[in-house]
C-alpha atoms as a PDB file:
ATOM      1  CA  MET A   1       1.537  24.395  -2.592  1.00  0.00           C
ATOM      2  CA  ASP A   2      -0.731  26.815  -1.102  1.00  0.00           C
ATOM      3  CA  GLU A   3      -3.637  26.528  -2.902  1.00  0.00           C
ATOM      4  CA  PRO A   4      -6.390  23.202  -3.089  1.00  0.00           C
ATOM      5  CA  LEU A   5      -5.816  20.849  -5.516  1.00  0.00           C
ATOM      6  CA  VAL A   6      -7.882  18.655  -7.157  1.00  0.00           C
ATOM      7  CA  ASP A   7      -7.244  15.321  -8.937  1.00  0.00           C
ATOM      8  CA  CYS A   8     -10.453  15.284 -11.189  1.00  0.00           C
ATOM      9  CA  HIS A   9      -9.821  11.789 -12.509  1.00  0.00           C
ATOM     10  CA  CYS A  10      -7.885   8.745 -11.013  1.00  0.00           C
ATOM     11  CA  HIS A  11      -8.126   5.134 -10.046  1.00  0.00           C
ATOM     12  CA  LEU A  12      -7.786   4.450  -6.791  1.00  0.00           C
ATOM     13  CA  SER A  13      -9.395   1.143  -6.545  1.00  0.00           C
ATOM     14  CA  ALA A  14      -6.827  -0.127  -8.544  1.00  0.00           C
ATOM     15  CA  ASN A  15      -4.791  -2.973  -7.604  1.00  0.00           C
ATOM     16  CA  GLU A  16      -1.896  -1.037  -7.982  1.00  0.00           C
ATOM     17  CA  PHE A  17      -2.888   0.866  -4.692  1.00  0.00           C
ATOM     18  CA  LEU A  18      -4.212  -2.581  -2.831  1.00  0.00           C
ATOM     19  CA  GLN A  19      -0.924  -2.478  -0.674  1.00  0.00           C
ATOM     20  CA  ASP A  20      -0.224   1.265   0.536  1.00  0.00           C
ATOM     21  CA  MET A  21      -3.726   3.118   0.002  1.00  0.00           C
ATOM     22  CA  ASN A  22      -2.980   5.387   3.408  1.00  0.00           C
ATOM     23  CA  ASP A  23       0.674   6.279   1.997  1.00  0.00           C
ATOM     24  CA  VAL A  24      -0.717   7.230  -1.229  1.00  0.00           C
ATOM     25  CA  VAL A  25      -3.349   9.440   0.365  1.00  0.00           C
ATOM     26  CA  GLU A  26      -0.886  10.656   2.698  1.00  0.00           C
ATOM     27  CA  ARG A  27       1.699  12.068   0.178  1.00  0.00           C
ATOM     28  CA  ALA A  28      -1.004  13.728  -2.094  1.00  0.00           C
ATOM     29  CA  LYS A  29      -1.957  15.480   0.505  1.00  0.00           C
ATOM     30  CA  GLN A  30       1.013  16.779   1.197  1.00  0.00           C
ATOM     31  CA  ALA A  31       1.098  17.950  -2.458  1.00  0.00           C
ATOM     32  CA  GLY A  32      -1.927  20.150  -1.427  1.00  0.00           C
ATOM     33  CA  VAL A  33      -4.648  17.977  -3.156  1.00  0.00           C
ATOM     34  CA  LYS A  34      -7.279  18.547  -1.390  1.00  0.00           C
ATOM     35  CA  ALA A  35      -9.845  16.271  -3.495  1.00  0.00           C
ATOM     36  CA  LEU A  36      -9.637  13.203  -5.296  1.00  0.00           C
ATOM     37  CA  ILE A  37     -12.233  12.294  -7.865  1.00  0.00           C
ATOM     38  CA  ALA A  38     -12.110   8.235  -7.899  1.00  0.00           C
ATOM     39  CA  VAL A  39     -13.425   6.738 -11.423  1.00  0.00           C
ATOM     40  CA  THR A  40     -14.288   3.051 -12.530  1.00  0.00           C
ATOM     41  CA  GLU A  41     -13.686   1.165 -15.334  1.00  0.00           C
ATOM     42  CA  GLY A  42     -15.870  -1.902 -14.584  1.00  0.00           C
ATOM     43  CA  ALA A  43     -18.862  -2.551 -12.095  1.00  0.00           C
ATOM     44  CA  SER A  44     -16.672  -4.934  -9.621  1.00  0.00           C
ATOM     45  CA  GLU A  45     -14.828  -1.403  -8.796  1.00  0.00           C
ATOM     46  CA  PHE A  46     -18.393   0.340  -7.681  1.00  0.00           C
ATOM     47  CA  GLU A  47     -17.776  -0.924  -3.840  1.00  0.00           C
ATOM     48  CA  SER A  48     -14.231  -0.324  -3.755  1.00  0.00           C
ATOM     49  CA  VAL A  49     -14.393   3.226  -4.787  1.00  0.00           C
ATOM     50  CA  ILE A  50     -17.586   3.939  -2.423  1.00  0.00           C
ATOM     51  CA  GLN A  51     -15.591   2.044   0.381  1.00  0.00           C
ATOM     52  CA  LEU A  52     -12.483   4.215  -0.307  1.00  0.00           C
ATOM     53  CA  SER A  53     -15.010   7.404  -0.074  1.00  0.00           C
ATOM     54  CA  LYS A  54     -16.521   6.302   3.544  1.00  0.00           C
ATOM     55  CA  ALA A  55     -12.583   5.843   4.420  1.00  0.00           C
ATOM     56  CA  TYR A  56     -11.166   9.016   3.557  1.00  0.00           C
ATOM     57  CA  GLN A  57     -14.264  11.073   3.450  1.00  0.00           C
ATOM     58  CA  GLY A  58     -13.965  14.757   2.378  1.00  0.00           C
ATOM     59  CA  LEU A  59     -11.041  13.750   0.343  1.00  0.00           C
ATOM     60  CA  ILE A  60     -11.781  10.914  -1.856  1.00  0.00           C
ATOM     61  CA  PHE A  61     -15.168  11.411  -3.827  1.00  0.00           C
ATOM     62  CA  PRO A  62     -16.662   8.538  -5.874  1.00  0.00           C
ATOM     63  CA  CYS A  63     -17.657   7.990  -9.305  1.00  0.00           C
ATOM     64  CA  PHE A  64     -19.212   5.200 -11.034  1.00  0.00           C
ATOM     65  CA  GLY A  65     -18.722   4.339 -15.177  1.00  0.00           C
ATOM     66  CA  ILE A  66     -18.174   1.378 -17.395  1.00  0.00           C
ATOM     67  CA  HIS A  67     -15.209   2.315 -19.578  1.00  0.00           C
ATOM     68  CA  PRO A  68     -15.370   1.416 -23.617  1.00  0.00           C
ATOM     69  CA  LEU A  69     -12.888  -0.795 -23.165  1.00  0.00           C
ATOM     70  CA  GLN A  70     -13.352  -3.800 -20.409  1.00  0.00           C
ATOM     71  CA  GLY A  71     -11.382  -6.917 -19.396  1.00  0.00           C
ATOM     72  CA  CYS A  72      -7.607  -6.554 -19.034  1.00  0.00           C
ATOM     73  CA  GLN A  73      -4.408  -6.507 -21.140  1.00  0.00           C
ATOM     74  CA  GLN A  74      -4.745  -9.557 -23.118  1.00  0.00           C
ATOM     75  CA  ASP A  75      -7.786  -9.799 -22.707  1.00  0.00           C
ATOM     76  CA  LEU A  76      -8.908  -6.070 -23.441  1.00  0.00           C
ATOM     77  CA  HIS A  77     -12.138  -6.126 -25.506  1.00  0.00           C
ATOM     78  CA  SER A  78     -15.188  -3.744 -26.558  1.00  0.00           C
ATOM     79  CA  VAL A  79     -17.450  -3.218 -23.853  1.00  0.00           C
ATOM     80  CA  ARG A  80     -20.998  -5.193 -24.535  1.00  0.00           C
ATOM     81  CA  ILE A  81     -24.064  -3.972 -23.060  1.00  0.00           C
ATOM     82  CA  GLN A  82     -24.372  -7.016 -21.102  1.00  0.00           C
ATOM     83  CA  ASP A  83     -21.736  -5.213 -19.088  1.00  0.00           C
ATOM     84  CA  LEU A  84     -23.854  -2.006 -18.068  1.00  0.00           C
ATOM     85  CA  GLU A  85     -27.267  -3.529 -17.625  1.00  0.00           C
ATOM     86  CA  PRO A  86     -26.889  -5.883 -14.442  1.00  0.00           C
ATOM     87  CA  VAL A  87     -25.100  -2.840 -12.634  1.00  0.00           C
ATOM     88  CA  LEU A  88     -27.802   0.164 -13.991  1.00  0.00           C
ATOM     89  CA  PRO A  89     -29.676  -0.091 -10.360  1.00  0.00           C
ATOM     90  CA  LEU A  90     -26.447   0.521  -8.456  1.00  0.00           C
ATOM     91  CA  PHE A  91     -26.217   3.983  -9.867  1.00  0.00           C
ATOM     92  CA  GLN A  92     -29.543   4.831  -8.496  1.00  0.00           C
ATOM     93  CA  VAL A  93     -28.920   2.962  -5.082  1.00  0.00           C
ATOM     94  CA  PHE A  94     -25.977   4.870  -4.702  1.00  0.00           C
ATOM     95  CA  ARG A  95     -27.307   8.368  -6.465  1.00  0.00           C
ATOM     96  CA  GLY A  96     -26.292  10.363  -2.887  1.00  0.00           C
ATOM     97  CA  ASP A  97     -22.348   9.527  -3.166  1.00  0.00           C
ATOM     98  CA  LEU A  98     -21.672   9.915  -6.712  1.00  0.00           C
ATOM     99  CA  VAL A  99     -19.886  13.233  -7.827  1.00  0.00           C
ATOM    100  CA  ALA A 100     -20.377  12.461 -10.905  1.00  0.00           C
ATOM    101  CA  VAL A 101     -20.681   9.507 -13.945  1.00  0.00           C
ATOM    102  CA  GLY A 102     -17.763   8.224 -15.453  1.00  0.00           C
ATOM    103  CA  GLU A 103     -15.473   6.691 -16.443  1.00  0.00           C
ATOM    104  CA  ILE A 104     -17.383   6.661 -19.869  1.00  0.00           C
ATOM    105  CA  GLY A 105     -16.814   7.849 -23.757  1.00  0.00           C
ATOM    106  CA  LEU A 106     -15.568   5.831 -26.313  1.00  0.00           C
ATOM    107  CA  ASP A 107     -12.460   4.168 -27.942  1.00  0.00           C
ATOM    108  CA  PHE A 108     -12.102   3.552 -31.486  1.00  0.00           C
ATOM    109  CA  THR A 109      -8.912   2.237 -31.395  1.00  0.00           C
ATOM    110  CA  PRO A 110      -8.493  -0.557 -33.988  1.00  0.00           C
ATOM    111  CA  TRP A 111      -7.159  -3.233 -32.508  1.00  0.00           C
ATOM    112  CA  TYR A 112      -9.764  -3.554 -29.717  1.00  0.00           C
ATOM    113  CA  ALA A 113     -13.075  -2.429 -31.841  1.00  0.00           C
ATOM    114  CA  PRO A 114     -12.063  -3.146 -35.435  1.00  0.00           C
ATOM    115  CA  THR A 115     -16.106  -4.058 -36.308  1.00  0.00           C
ATOM    116  CA  VAL A 116     -18.467  -1.576 -36.730  1.00  0.00           C
ATOM    117  CA  GLN A 117     -20.861  -3.859 -34.546  1.00  0.00           C
ATOM    118  CA  GLU A 118     -18.650  -3.109 -31.527  1.00  0.00           C
ATOM    119  CA  ARG A 119     -18.695   0.171 -31.925  1.00  0.00           C
ATOM    120  CA  ASN A 120     -22.000   0.671 -32.191  1.00  0.00           C
ATOM    121  CA  GLU A 121     -22.351  -1.246 -28.706  1.00  0.00           C
ATOM    122  CA  GLN A 122     -19.677   1.055 -27.173  1.00  0.00           C
ATOM    123  CA  LEU A 123     -21.848   4.023 -28.610  1.00  0.00           C
ATOM    124  CA  THR A 124     -24.898   2.174 -26.835  1.00  0.00           C
ATOM    125  CA  VAL A 125     -23.212   1.932 -23.184  1.00  0.00           C
ATOM    126  CA  PHE A 126     -21.935   5.641 -23.905  1.00  0.00           C
ATOM    127  CA  LYS A 127     -25.162   6.835 -24.269  1.00  0.00           C
ATOM    128  CA  LYS A 128     -27.413   4.670 -21.873  1.00  0.00           C
ATOM    129  CA  GLN A 129     -24.542   6.183 -19.087  1.00  0.00           C
ATOM    130  CA  LEU A 130     -25.311   9.697 -20.879  1.00  0.00           C
ATOM    131  CA  GLU A 131     -29.074   9.292 -19.997  1.00  0.00           C
ATOM    132  CA  VAL A 132     -28.232   8.220 -16.489  1.00  0.00           C
ATOM    133  CA  SER A 133     -26.222  11.335 -16.012  1.00  0.00           C
ATOM    134  CA  LYS A 134     -29.146  13.487 -16.999  1.00  0.00           C
ATOM    135  CA  GLU A 135     -31.255  11.851 -14.745  1.00  0.00           C
ATOM    136  CA  LEU A 136     -29.006  11.888 -11.516  1.00  0.00           C
ATOM    137  CA  ASP A 137     -28.026  15.309 -12.353  1.00  0.00           C
ATOM    138  CA  LEU A 138     -24.430  14.723 -12.621  1.00  0.00           C
ATOM    139  CA  PRO A 139     -21.343  16.003 -14.530  1.00  0.00           C
ATOM    140  CA  VAL A 140     -19.581  13.164 -16.921  1.00  0.00           C
ATOM    141  CA  ASN A 141     -15.983  12.062 -16.604  1.00  0.00           C
ATOM    142  CA  VAL A 142     -15.019  10.893 -20.021  1.00  0.00           C
ATOM    143  CA  HIS A 143     -12.711   8.761 -21.958  1.00  0.00           C
ATOM    144  CA  SER A 144     -12.147   9.495 -25.780  1.00  0.00           C
ATOM    145  CA  ARG A 145      -9.795   7.612 -27.900  1.00  0.00           C
ATOM    146  CA  SER A 146      -9.214   7.431 -31.838  1.00  0.00           C
ATOM    147  CA  ALA A 147     -13.009   8.933 -31.231  1.00  0.00           C
ATOM    148  CA  ALA A 148     -13.162  12.494 -30.442  1.00  0.00           C
ATOM    149  CA  LYS A 149     -15.326  13.649 -33.085  1.00  0.00           C
ATOM    150  CA  VAL A 150     -18.242  11.027 -32.336  1.00  0.00           C
ATOM    151  CA  THR A 151     -17.627  11.277 -28.667  1.00  0.00           C
ATOM    152  CA  MET A 152     -18.206  15.067 -28.937  1.00  0.00           C
ATOM    153  CA  THR A 153     -21.307  14.672 -31.396  1.00  0.00           C
ATOM    154  CA  THR A 154     -23.183  12.102 -29.275  1.00  0.00           C
ATOM    155  CA  MET A 155     -22.645  14.260 -26.352  1.00  0.00           C
ATOM    156  CA  LYS A 156     -23.860  17.339 -27.501  1.00  0.00           C
ATOM    157  CA  GLU A 157     -26.606  15.242 -29.287  1.00  0.00           C
ATOM    158  CA  GLN A 158     -27.839  13.978 -25.884  1.00  0.00           C
ATOM    159  CA  GLY A 159     -27.792  17.441 -24.280  1.00  0.00           C
ATOM    160  CA  ILE A 160     -25.094  17.156 -22.221  1.00  0.00           C
ATOM    161  CA  ARG A 161     -23.796  20.498 -20.861  1.00  0.00           C
ATOM    162  CA  HIS A 162     -21.278  18.983 -17.833  1.00  0.00           C
ATOM    163  CA  ALA A 163     -18.515  17.085 -19.051  1.00  0.00           C
ATOM    164  CA  LEU A 164     -14.834  16.531 -18.062  1.00  0.00           C
ATOM    165  CA  LEU A 165     -12.749  15.540 -21.131  1.00  0.00           C
ATOM    166  CA  HIS A 166      -9.839  13.672 -19.380  1.00  0.00           C
ATOM    167  CA  ASN A 167      -6.126  13.358 -21.413  1.00  0.00           C
ATOM    168  CA  PHE A 168      -8.135  14.387 -24.189  1.00  0.00           C
ATOM    169  CA  ALA A 169      -5.779  14.292 -27.774  1.00  0.00           C
ATOM    170  CA  GLY A 170      -8.133  15.132 -30.221  1.00  0.00           C
ATOM    171  CA  ARG A 171      -7.688  17.796 -32.812  1.00  0.00           C
ATOM    172  CA  PRO A 172      -7.879  20.801 -32.100  1.00  0.00           C
ATOM    173  CA  SER A 173     -11.011  21.878 -33.842  1.00  0.00           C
ATOM    174  CA  VAL A 174     -12.894  19.072 -31.774  1.00  0.00           C
ATOM    175  CA  ALA A 175     -11.624  20.664 -28.769  1.00  0.00           C
ATOM    176  CA  MET A 176     -13.507  24.027 -30.006  1.00  0.00           C
ATOM    177  CA  GLU A 177     -16.804  22.102 -30.201  1.00  0.00           C
ATOM    178  CA  GLY A 178     -16.204  20.775 -26.661  1.00  0.00           C
ATOM    179  CA  LEU A 179     -15.355  24.729 -25.345  1.00  0.00           C
ATOM    180  CA  GLN A 180     -18.215  25.455 -27.332  1.00  0.00           C
ATOM    181  CA  ALA A 181     -20.530  23.122 -25.648  1.00  0.00           C
ATOM    182  CA  GLY A 182     -19.131  24.294 -22.368  1.00  0.00           C
ATOM    183  CA  TYR A 183     -17.228  20.890 -21.523  1.00  0.00           C
ATOM    184  CA  TYR A 184     -13.749  20.961 -19.495  1.00  0.00           C
ATOM    185  CA  PHE A 185     -10.291  19.149 -20.445  1.00  0.00           C
ATOM    186  CA  SER A 186      -7.779  17.629 -18.269  1.00  0.00           C
ATOM    187  CA  PHE A 187      -4.299  16.600 -18.959  1.00  0.00           C
ATOM    188  CA  PRO A 188      -2.262  14.096 -16.987  1.00  0.00           C
ATOM    189  CA  PRO A 189       1.546  14.185 -15.720  1.00  0.00           C
ATOM    190  CA  ALA A 190       2.353  12.593 -18.636  1.00  0.00           C
ATOM    191  CA  VAL A 191       2.324  15.499 -21.097  1.00  0.00           C
ATOM    192  CA  SER A 192       5.122  16.616 -19.560  1.00  0.00           C
ATOM    193  CA  ARG A 193       7.455  13.585 -21.357  1.00  0.00           C
ATOM    194  CA  ASN A 194       6.791  15.340 -24.654  1.00  0.00           C
ATOM    195  CA  ASP A 195       5.165  18.204 -26.639  1.00  0.00           C
ATOM    196  CA  GLN A 196       2.358  16.758 -28.657  1.00  0.00           C
ATOM    197  CA  ARG A 197      -0.398  18.322 -26.448  1.00  0.00           C
ATOM    198  CA  ASP A 198       1.074  21.592 -25.884  1.00  0.00           C
ATOM    199  CA  LYS A 199      -0.689  23.031 -28.715  1.00  0.00           C
ATOM    200  CA  LEU A 200      -4.131  21.709 -27.655  1.00  0.00           C
ATOM    201  CA  ILE A 201      -2.885  23.336 -23.838  1.00  0.00           C
ATOM    202  CA  LYS A 202      -2.445  26.326 -25.431  1.00  0.00           C
ATOM    203  CA  GLN A 203      -5.436  27.115 -27.207  1.00  0.00           C
ATOM    204  CA  ILE A 204      -7.362  25.941 -24.490  1.00  0.00           C
ATOM    205  CA  PRO A 205      -8.364  29.183 -22.450  1.00  0.00           C
ATOM    206  CA  LEU A 206      -6.909  28.296 -18.363  1.00  0.00           C
ATOM    207  CA  GLU A 207     -10.508  28.869 -17.417  1.00  0.00           C
ATOM    208  CA  ARG A 208     -11.683  25.055 -19.066  1.00  0.00           C
ATOM    209  CA  ILE A 209      -8.978  23.281 -17.876  1.00  0.00           C
ATOM    210  CA  CYS A 210      -8.533  20.949 -14.579  1.00  0.00           C
ATOM    211  CA  LEU A 211      -5.757  19.259 -13.125  1.00  0.00           C
ATOM    212  CA  GLU A 212      -5.873  14.817 -13.322  1.00  0.00           C
ATOM    213  CA  THR A 213      -3.208  12.199 -12.899  1.00  0.00           C
ATOM    214  CA  ASP A 214      -4.920   9.333 -13.535  1.00  0.00           C
ATOM    215  CA  SER A 215      -2.953   7.443 -11.575  1.00  0.00           C
ATOM    216  CA  PRO A 216      -2.189   4.607 -11.430  1.00  0.00           C
ATOM    217  CA  ALA A 217      -1.181   5.152 -15.343  1.00  0.00           C
ATOM    218  CA  LEU A 218       0.101   8.138 -17.611  1.00  0.00           C
ATOM    219  CA  GLY A 219       2.529   9.280 -14.986  1.00  0.00           C
ATOM    220  CA  PRO A 220       5.751  11.139 -15.478  1.00  0.00           C
ATOM    221  CA  GLU A 221       7.866   7.982 -16.659  1.00  0.00           C
ATOM    222  CA  LYS A 222       6.493   5.219 -18.124  1.00  0.00           C
ATOM    223  CA  GLN A 223       6.290   1.904 -16.676  1.00  0.00           C
ATOM    224  CA  VAL A 224       6.176   3.441 -13.041  1.00  0.00           C
ATOM    225  CA  ARG A 225       3.119   3.621 -11.024  1.00  0.00           C
ATOM    226  CA  ASN A 226       1.544   7.138 -11.275  1.00  0.00           C
ATOM    227  CA  GLU A 227       0.241   8.820  -7.899  1.00  0.00           C
ATOM    228  CA  PRO A 228      -2.022  11.768  -7.140  1.00  0.00           C
ATOM    229  CA  LYS A 229       1.068  13.441  -5.570  1.00  0.00           C
ATOM    230  CA  ASN A 230       2.351  13.925  -9.188  1.00  0.00           C
ATOM    231  CA  ILE A 231      -0.637  16.675  -9.873  1.00  0.00           C
ATOM    232  CA  THR A 232       1.729  19.283  -9.109  1.00  0.00           C
ATOM    233  CA  ILE A 233       3.858  17.883 -12.742  1.00  0.00           C
ATOM    234  CA  SER A 234       0.759  18.239 -14.663  1.00  0.00           C
ATOM    235  CA  LEU A 235      -0.099  22.008 -12.964  1.00  0.00           C
ATOM    236  CA  GLU A 236       4.007  23.142 -13.711  1.00  0.00           C
ATOM    237  CA  HIS A 237       3.113  21.647 -17.536  1.00  0.00           C
ATOM    238  CA  ILE A 238       0.551  23.705 -18.127  1.00  0.00           C
ATOM    239  CA  ALA A 239       2.167  26.941 -16.052  1.00  0.00           C
ATOM    240  CA  LYS A 240       4.975  26.648 -18.662  1.00  0.00           C
ATOM    241  CA  VAL A 241       3.580  26.307 -21.918  1.00  0.00           C
ATOM    242  CA  LYS A 242       0.803  29.071 -20.722  1.00  0.00           C
ATOM    243  CA  GLY A 243       4.068  31.060 -19.457  1.00  0.00           C
ATOM    244  CA  ILE A 244       1.737  31.504 -16.223  1.00  0.00           C
ATOM    245  CA  SER A 245       2.505  31.278 -12.840  1.00  0.00           C
ATOM    246  CA  THR A 246       1.816  27.997 -10.751  1.00  0.00           C
ATOM    247  CA  GLU A 247      -0.445  29.534  -8.528  1.00  0.00           C
ATOM    248  CA  ILE A 248      -2.078  31.189 -10.919  1.00  0.00           C
ATOM    249  CA  VAL A 249      -2.930  27.571 -12.696  1.00  0.00           C
ATOM    250  CA  ALA A 250      -3.314  26.396  -9.244  1.00  0.00           C
ATOM    251  CA  GLU A 251      -5.946  28.717  -8.519  1.00  0.00           C
ATOM    252  CA  ILE A 252      -8.218  28.722 -11.536  1.00  0.00           C
ATOM    253  CA  THR A 253      -7.835  24.641 -11.777  1.00  0.00           C
ATOM    254  CA  THR A 254      -9.481  24.326  -8.768  1.00  0.00           C
ATOM    255  CA  LYS A 255     -12.456  26.946  -9.183  1.00  0.00           C
ATOM    256  CA  ASN A 256     -12.546  24.828 -12.477  1.00  0.00           C
ATOM    257  CA  ALA A 257     -13.097  21.582 -10.684  1.00  0.00           C
ATOM    258  CA  LEU A 258     -15.798  23.343  -7.791  1.00  0.00           C
ATOM    259  CA  CYS A 259     -17.566  24.505 -10.663  1.00  0.00           C
ATOM    260  CA  LEU A 260     -17.681  21.256 -12.596  1.00  0.00           C
ATOM    261  CA  PHE A 261     -18.158  18.919  -9.648  1.00  0.00           C
ATOM    262  CA  SER A 262     -20.641  20.686  -7.837  1.00  0.00           C
ATOM    263  CA  ARG A 263     -21.140  18.141  -5.206  1.00  0.00           C
ATOM    264  CA  LEU A 264     -17.143  18.729  -3.898  1.00  0.00           C
ATOM    265  CA  ASN A 265     -17.409  20.146  -0.821  1.00  0.00           C
ATOM    266  CA  LEU A 266     -13.755  21.573  -0.049  1.00  0.00           C
END
């Protein structure tokens, strides 16, 4: 692939990459990836993404964000305000390093956030981080599951102008609201496994689509670790659905990424 590619949403500070990060990065570079935007899910990852951005300067770009779900596996639970408030000063401390605020958003999956109180607390955490993004003049890297309409409405009400809706799976009508607000959308390699997302990919103009892997999750095979090198699978699937060349998709999605994440320098 001659065109440089940008993975706009990946979790490089995940435990799955602890043993072989150099190899993962090398494979990504061989696939044509020139920038990796590393998001966090919790405060424990903040230091790791900063260290990765220093170790792989000019390739890995860090984001800070508190995800709407905290904990892991059986302990996964809806975010609480105390997950965010103690680390808010770190956004300011590292403001010169960050390229976005993320991964933030809403996750109203019934078994994770069954009560109105939990959903309201998610909204409070989301809004506080949207405020941070405005203070720092940074775009937001957004998660939305079972909450597309509320996510979109909240972002618009808060005056957010620069946003990436990652792995978006909401209704086409809600996606249209995002397009009207100027937002971008990205799709991971997992979309190649079934055609459920194809209608959205067809509807959203290429000028508003970015590439992502969401590594180590949402790869081409279930239960297999995903890597940034698999961004070419997203690229090829989008090209196939839209009936255009991979070269055009690569060119436009990279242009979109550079427009949205203005601190990237390729």
